[in-house]
Amino acid sequence: MLKTYLANPGPPHHKQQQLDEKDAFPASERDTEELLRTKLVHMLKTSYYNYISSSIGELRTMEEIRPG
């Protein structure tokens, strides 16, 4: 995938959107979307891991206090 970047974009009002030839979306937008998607997946995995760890801890506690 070929991306083109401006070495010196200049003042904000003169910024040009650099397009990726493959899908005609601004490369910076796609990179931002990919970064957000990666962060979201990481957050979901972490949340799920914490939930499972907490549930296992609760089960162990219940086993310890169960008479028997």
PDB file of N, CA and C in Angstrom:
ATOM      1  N   MET A   1       0.853  -1.175   0.000  1.00  0.00           N
ATOM      2  CA  MET A   1       0.000   0.000   0.000  1.00  0.00           C
ATOM      3  C   MET A   1       0.902   1.242   0.000  1.00  0.00           C
ATOM      4  N   LEU A   2       0.673   2.093  -0.917  1.00  0.00           N
ATOM      5  CA  LEU A   2       1.499   3.276  -1.066  1.00  0.00           C
ATOM      6  C   LEU A   2       0.828   4.485  -0.427  1.00  0.00           C
ATOM      7  N   LYS A   3       1.537   5.110   0.497  1.00  0.00           N
ATOM      8  CA  LYS A   3       1.016   6.323   1.141  1.00  0.00           C
ATOM      9  C   LYS A   3       1.957   7.482   0.811  1.00  0.00           C
ATOM     10  N   THR A   4       1.386   8.635   0.677  1.00  0.00           N
ATOM     11  CA  THR A   4       2.191   9.821   0.432  1.00  0.00           C
ATOM     12  C   THR A   4       2.038  10.780   1.599  1.00  0.00           C
ATOM     13  N   TYR A   5       3.136  11.300   2.053  1.00  0.00           N
ATOM     14  CA  TYR A   5       3.096  12.226   3.176  1.00  0.00           C
ATOM     15  C   TYR A   5       3.754  13.541   2.774  1.00  0.00           C
ATOM     16  N   LEU A   6       3.269  14.601   3.319  1.00  0.00           N
ATOM     17  CA  LEU A   6       3.909  15.901   3.127  1.00  0.00           C
ATOM     18  C   LEU A   6       5.035  16.043   4.135  1.00  0.00           C
ATOM     19  N   ALA A   7       6.198  16.452   3.670  1.00  0.00           N
ATOM     20  CA  ALA A   7       7.318  16.652   4.583  1.00  0.00           C
ATOM     21  C   ALA A   7       7.063  17.878   5.453  1.00  0.00           C
ATOM     22  N   ASN A   8       6.542  18.938   4.851  1.00  0.00           N
ATOM     23  CA  ASN A   8       6.245  20.153   5.591  1.00  0.00           C
ATOM     24  C   ASN A   8       4.853  20.619   5.184  1.00  0.00           C
ATOM     25  N   PRO A   9       3.823  20.315   6.004  1.00  0.00           N
ATOM     26  CA  PRO A   9       2.454  20.637   5.608  1.00  0.00           C
ATOM     27  C   PRO A   9       2.126  22.119   5.532  1.00  0.00           C
ATOM     28  N   GLY A  10       2.945  22.963   6.146  1.00  0.00           N
ATOM     29  CA  GLY A  10       2.665  24.388   6.109  1.00  0.00           C
ATOM     30  C   GLY A  10       1.596  24.775   7.112  1.00  0.00           C
ATOM     31  N   PRO A  11       1.093  26.019   7.017  1.00  0.00           N
ATOM     32  CA  PRO A  11       0.068  26.472   7.953  1.00  0.00           C
ATOM     33  C   PRO A  11      -1.202  25.625   7.834  1.00  0.00           C
ATOM     34  N   PRO A  12      -1.976  25.523   8.921  1.00  0.00           N
ATOM     35  CA  PRO A  12      -3.176  24.685   8.924  1.00  0.00           C
ATOM     36  C   PRO A  12      -4.151  24.980   7.787  1.00  0.00           C
ATOM     37  N   HIS A  13      -4.308  26.253   7.403  1.00  0.00           N
ATOM     38  CA  HIS A  13      -5.277  26.561   6.351  1.00  0.00           C
ATOM     39  C   HIS A  13      -4.791  26.123   4.966  1.00  0.00           C
ATOM     40  N   HIS A  14      -3.513  25.780   4.839  1.00  0.00           N
ATOM     41  CA  HIS A  14      -2.999  25.295   3.561  1.00  0.00           C
ATOM     42  C   HIS A  14      -2.756  23.790   3.556  1.00  0.00           C
ATOM     43  N   LYS A  15      -3.182  23.132   4.608  1.00  0.00           N
ATOM     44  CA  LYS A  15      -2.958  21.679   4.676  1.00  0.00           C
ATOM     45  C   LYS A  15      -3.654  20.984   3.517  1.00  0.00           C
ATOM     46  N   GLN A  16      -2.966  20.033   2.961  1.00  0.00           N
ATOM     47  CA  GLN A  16      -3.563  19.232   1.890  1.00  0.00           C
ATOM     48  C   GLN A  16      -3.804  17.831   2.417  1.00  0.00           C
ATOM     49  N   GLN A  17      -4.894  17.225   2.003  1.00  0.00           N
ATOM     50  CA  GLN A  17      -5.176  15.841   2.372  1.00  0.00           C
ATOM     51  C   GLN A  17      -4.385  14.954   1.419  1.00  0.00           C
ATOM     52  N   GLN A  18      -3.532  14.121   2.000  1.00  0.00           N
ATOM     53  CA  GLN A  18      -2.793  13.170   1.178  1.00  0.00           C
ATOM     54  C   GLN A  18      -3.627  11.908   1.033  1.00  0.00           C
ATOM     55  N   LEU A  19      -3.860  11.497  -0.194  1.00  0.00           N
ATOM     56  CA  LEU A  19      -4.738  10.366  -0.448  1.00  0.00           C
ATOM     57  C   LEU A  19      -3.936   9.100  -0.710  1.00  0.00           C
ATOM     58  N   ASP A  20      -4.472   8.021  -0.242  1.00  0.00           N
ATOM     59  CA  ASP A  20      -3.925   6.712  -0.558  1.00  0.00           C
ATOM     60  C   ASP A  20      -4.527   6.307  -1.900  1.00  0.00           C
ATOM     61  N   GLU A  21      -3.696   5.862  -2.808  1.00  0.00           N
ATOM     62  CA  GLU A  21      -4.186   5.520  -4.147  1.00  0.00           C
ATOM     63  C   GLU A  21      -5.155   4.341  -4.124  1.00  0.00           C
ATOM     64  N   LYS A  22      -5.061   3.473  -3.140  1.00  0.00           N
ATOM     65  CA  LYS A  22      -5.890   2.264  -3.114  1.00  0.00           C
ATOM     66  C   LYS A  22      -7.367   2.574  -2.881  1.00  0.00           C
ATOM     67  N   ASP A  23      -7.685   3.362  -1.853  1.00  0.00           N
ATOM     68  CA  ASP A  23      -9.099   3.555  -1.518  1.00  0.00           C
ATOM     69  C   ASP A  23      -9.539   5.008  -1.452  1.00  0.00           C
ATOM     70  N   ALA A  24      -8.679   5.919  -1.792  1.00  0.00           N
ATOM     71  CA  ALA A  24      -9.001   7.341  -1.874  1.00  0.00           C
ATOM     72  C   ALA A  24      -9.493   7.947  -0.567  1.00  0.00           C
ATOM     73  N   PHE A  25      -9.080   7.386   0.563  1.00  0.00           N
ATOM     74  CA  PHE A  25      -9.344   8.010   1.857  1.00  0.00           C
ATOM     75  C   PHE A  25      -8.054   8.655   2.328  1.00  0.00           C
ATOM     76  N   PRO A  26      -8.141   9.781   3.031  1.00  0.00           N
ATOM     77  CA  PRO A  26      -6.924  10.400   3.539  1.00  0.00           C
ATOM     78  C   PRO A  26      -6.159   9.406   4.412  1.00  0.00           C
ATOM     79  N   ALA A  27      -4.860   9.271   4.144  1.00  0.00           N
ATOM     80  CA  ALA A  27      -4.033   8.313   4.876  1.00  0.00           C
ATOM     81  C   ALA A  27      -4.079   8.587   6.376  1.00  0.00           C
ATOM     82  N   SER A  28      -4.061   9.861   6.761  1.00  0.00           N
ATOM     83  CA  SER A  28      -4.062  10.194   8.182  1.00  0.00           C
ATOM     84  C   SER A  28      -5.365   9.754   8.853  1.00  0.00           C
ATOM     85  N   GLU A  29      -6.488   9.861   8.139  1.00  0.00           N
ATOM     86  CA  GLU A  29      -7.773   9.410   8.701  1.00  0.00           C
ATOM     87  C   GLU A  29      -7.773   7.908   8.921  1.00  0.00           C
ATOM     88  N   ARG A  30      -7.259   7.170   7.928  1.00  0.00           N
ATOM     89  CA  ARG A  30      -7.213   5.716   8.044  1.00  0.00           C
ATOM     90  C   ARG A  30      -6.298   5.297   9.186  1.00  0.00           C
ATOM     91  N   ASP A  31      -5.137   5.971   9.312  1.00  0.00           N
ATOM     92  CA  ASP A  31      -4.211   5.657  10.396  1.00  0.00           C
ATOM     93  C   ASP A  31      -4.867   5.913  11.743  1.00  0.00           C
ATOM     94  N   THR A  32      -5.608   7.012  11.862  1.00  0.00           N
ATOM     95  CA  THR A  32      -6.298   7.340  13.106  1.00  0.00           C
ATOM     96  C   THR A  32      -7.355   6.291  13.416  1.00  0.00           C
ATOM     97  N   GLU A  33      -8.105   5.880  12.410  1.00  0.00           N
ATOM     98  CA  GLU A  33      -9.136   4.861  12.614  1.00  0.00           C
ATOM     99  C   GLU A  33      -8.508   3.545  13.058  1.00  0.00           C
ATOM    100  N   GLU A  34      -7.403   3.172  12.432  1.00  0.00           N
ATOM    101  CA  GLU A  34      -6.717   1.927  12.796  1.00  0.00           C
ATOM    102  C   GLU A  34      -6.190   2.003  14.224  1.00  0.00           C
ATOM    103  N   LEU A  35      -5.638   3.151  14.608  1.00  0.00           N
ATOM    104  CA  LEU A  35      -5.135   3.332  15.966  1.00  0.00           C
ATOM    105  C   LEU A  35      -6.270   3.233  16.980  1.00  0.00           C
ATOM    106  N   LEU A  36      -7.390   3.890  16.706  1.00  0.00           N
ATOM    107  CA  LEU A  36      -8.540   3.822  17.608  1.00  0.00           C
ATOM    108  C   LEU A  36      -9.074   2.400  17.721  1.00  0.00           C
ATOM    109  N   ARG A  37      -9.133   1.707  16.599  1.00  0.00           N
ATOM    110  CA  ARG A  37      -9.609   0.317  16.605  1.00  0.00           C
ATOM    111  C   ARG A  37      -8.678  -0.567  17.448  1.00  0.00           C
ATOM    112  N   THR A  38      -7.365  -0.372  17.296  1.00  0.00           N
ATOM    113  CA  THR A  38      -6.386  -1.141  18.069  1.00  0.00           C
ATOM    114  C   THR A  38      -6.538  -0.862  19.559  1.00  0.00           C
ATOM    115  N   LYS A  39      -6.710   0.412  19.914  1.00  0.00           N
ATOM    116  CA  LYS A  39      -6.882   0.769  21.329  1.00  0.00           C
ATOM    117  C   LYS A  39      -8.172   0.181  21.893  1.00  0.00           C
ATOM    118  N   LEU A  40      -9.250   0.222  21.103  1.00  0.00           N
ATOM    119  CA  LEU A  40     -10.529  -0.322  21.551  1.00  0.00           C
ATOM    120  C   LEU A  40     -10.416  -1.822  21.805  1.00  0.00           C
ATOM    121  N   VAL A  41      -9.785  -2.542  20.892  1.00  0.00           N
ATOM    122  CA  VAL A  41      -9.604  -3.987  21.065  1.00  0.00           C
ATOM    123  C   VAL A  41      -8.793  -4.260  22.323  1.00  0.00           C
ATOM    124  N   HIS A  42      -7.741  -3.485  22.541  1.00  0.00           N
ATOM    125  CA  HIS A  42      -6.925  -3.659  23.745  1.00  0.00           C
ATOM    126  C   HIS A  42      -7.755  -3.417  25.011  1.00  0.00           C
ATOM    127  N   MET A  43      -8.561  -2.351  24.994  1.00  0.00           N
ATOM    128  CA  MET A  43      -9.400  -2.046  26.160  1.00  0.00           C
ATOM    129  C   MET A  43     -10.405  -3.159  26.420  1.00  0.00           C
ATOM    130  N   LEU A  44     -11.025  -3.690  25.353  1.00  0.00           N
ATOM    131  CA  LEU A  44     -11.996  -4.771  25.517  1.00  0.00           C
ATOM    132  C   LEU A  44     -11.340  -6.035  26.051  1.00  0.00           C
ATOM    133  N   LYS A  45     -10.155  -6.360  25.535  1.00  0.00           N
ATOM    134  CA  LYS A  45      -9.438  -7.546  26.019  1.00  0.00           C
ATOM    135  C   LYS A  45      -9.074  -7.385  27.491  1.00  0.00           C
ATOM    136  N   THR A  46      -8.598  -6.199  27.860  1.00  0.00           N
ATOM    137  CA  THR A  46      -8.227  -5.937  29.248  1.00  0.00           C
ATOM    138  C   THR A  46      -9.445  -6.027  30.154  1.00  0.00           C
ATOM    139  N   SER A  47     -10.550  -5.436  29.727  1.00  0.00           N
ATOM    140  CA  SER A  47     -11.780  -5.468  30.507  1.00  0.00           C
ATOM    141  C   SER A  47     -12.263  -6.903  30.689  1.00  0.00           C
ATOM    142  N   TYR A  48     -12.241  -7.681  29.615  1.00  0.00           N
ATOM    143  CA  TYR A  48     -12.679  -9.078  29.671  1.00  0.00           C
ATOM    144  C   TYR A  48     -11.763  -9.882  30.597  1.00  0.00           C
ATOM    145  N   TYR A  49     -10.449  -9.664  30.490  1.00  0.00           N
ATOM    146  CA  TYR A  49      -9.487 -10.353  31.348  1.00  0.00           C
ATOM    147  C   TYR A  49      -9.759 -10.021  32.818  1.00  0.00           C
ATOM    148  N   ASN A  50      -9.984  -8.748  33.112  1.00  0.00           N
ATOM    149  CA  ASN A  50     -10.262  -8.339  34.494  1.00  0.00           C
ATOM    150  C   ASN A  50     -11.557  -8.964  35.001  1.00  0.00           C
ATOM    151  N   TYR A  51     -12.582  -9.034  34.149  1.00  0.00           N
ATOM    152  CA  TYR A  51     -13.860  -9.642  34.517  1.00  0.00           C
ATOM    153  C   TYR A  51     -13.666 -11.124  34.838  1.00  0.00           C
ATOM    154  N   ILE A  52     -12.954 -11.834  33.979  1.00  0.00           N
ATOM    155  CA  ILE A  52     -12.711 -13.262  34.189  1.00  0.00           C
ATOM    156  C   ILE A  52     -11.891 -13.477  35.458  1.00  0.00           C
ATOM    157  N   SER A  53     -10.846 -12.677  35.650  1.00  0.00           N
ATOM    158  CA  SER A  53     -10.011 -12.805  36.848  1.00  0.00           C
ATOM    159  C   SER A  53     -10.837 -12.580  38.106  1.00  0.00           C
ATOM    160  N   SER A  54     -11.700 -11.574  38.066  1.00  0.00           N
ATOM    161  CA  SER A  54     -12.557 -11.265  39.205  1.00  0.00           C
ATOM    162  C   SER A  54     -13.519 -12.418  39.479  1.00  0.00           C
ATOM    163  N   SER A  55     -14.097 -12.966  38.422  1.00  0.00           N
ATOM    164  CA  SER A  55     -15.039 -14.082  38.576  1.00  0.00           C
ATOM    165  C   SER A  55     -14.348 -15.306  39.160  1.00  0.00           C
ATOM    166  N   ILE A  56     -13.145 -15.593  38.707  1.00  0.00           N
ATOM    167  CA  ILE A  56     -12.388 -16.735  39.240  1.00  0.00           C
ATOM    168  C   ILE A  56     -12.081 -16.503  40.711  1.00  0.00           C
ATOM    169  N   GLY A  57     -11.707 -15.273  41.055  1.00  0.00           N
ATOM    170  CA  GLY A  57     -11.437 -14.945  42.455  1.00  0.00           C
ATOM    171  C   GLY A  57     -12.665 -15.139  43.320  1.00  0.00           C
ATOM    172  N   GLU A  58     -13.834 -14.726  42.823  1.00  0.00           N
ATOM    173  CA  GLU A  58     -15.082 -14.906  43.577  1.00  0.00           C
ATOM    174  C   GLU A  58     -15.405 -16.384  43.756  1.00  0.00           C
ATOM    175  N   LEU A  59     -15.199 -17.185  42.725  1.00  0.00           N
ATOM    176  CA  LEU A  59     -15.459 -18.625  42.826  1.00  0.00           C
ATOM    177  C   LEU A  59     -14.539 -19.281  43.850  1.00  0.00           C
ATOM    178  N   ARG A  60     -13.278 -18.883  43.851  1.00  0.00           N
ATOM    179  CA  ARG A  60     -12.335 -19.444  44.829  1.00  0.00           C
ATOM    180  C   ARG A  60     -12.747 -19.069  46.247  1.00  0.00           C
ATOM    181  N   THR A  61     -13.181 -17.825  46.422  1.00  0.00           N
ATOM    182  CA  THR A  61     -13.622 -17.375  47.744  1.00  0.00           C
ATOM    183  C   THR A  61     -14.846 -18.166  48.180  1.00  0.00           C
ATOM    184  N   MET A  62     -15.778 -18.396  47.268  1.00  0.00           N
ATOM    185  CA  MET A  62     -16.984 -19.159  47.602  1.00  0.00           C
ATOM    186  C   MET A  62     -16.619 -20.595  47.981  1.00  0.00           C
ATOM    187  N   GLU A  63     -15.642 -21.178  47.309  1.00  0.00           N
ATOM    188  CA  GLU A  63     -15.218 -22.542  47.635  1.00  0.00           C
ATOM    189  C   GLU A  63     -14.570 -22.596  49.013  1.00  0.00           C
ATOM    190  N   GLU A  64     -13.826 -21.545  49.356  1.00  0.00           N
ATOM    191  CA  GLU A  64     -13.133 -21.515  50.647  1.00  0.00           C
ATOM    192  C   GLU A  64     -14.114 -21.400  51.805  1.00  0.00           C
ATOM    193  N   ILE A  65     -15.217 -20.652  51.623  1.00  0.00           N
ATOM    194  CA  ILE A  65     -16.146 -20.447  52.746  1.00  0.00           C
ATOM    195  C   ILE A  65     -17.274 -21.474  52.766  1.00  0.00           C
ATOM    196  N   ARG A  66     -17.329 -22.318  51.752  1.00  0.00           N
ATOM    197  CA  ARG A  66     -18.382 -23.330  51.696  1.00  0.00           C
ATOM    198  C   ARG A  66     -18.113 -24.394  52.771  1.00  0.00           C
ATOM    199  N   PRO A  67     -19.114 -24.711  53.564  1.00  0.00           N
ATOM    200  CA  PRO A  67     -18.904 -25.738  54.587  1.00  0.00           C
ATOM    201  C   PRO A  67     -18.698 -27.102  53.933  1.00  0.00           C
ATOM    202  N   GLY A  68     -17.819 -27.853  54.547  1.00  0.00           N
ATOM    203  CA  GLY A  68     -17.772 -29.115  53.983  1.00  0.00           C
ATOM    204  C   GLY A  68     -16.706 -30.002  53.933  1.00  0.00           C
TER     205      GLY A  68
END
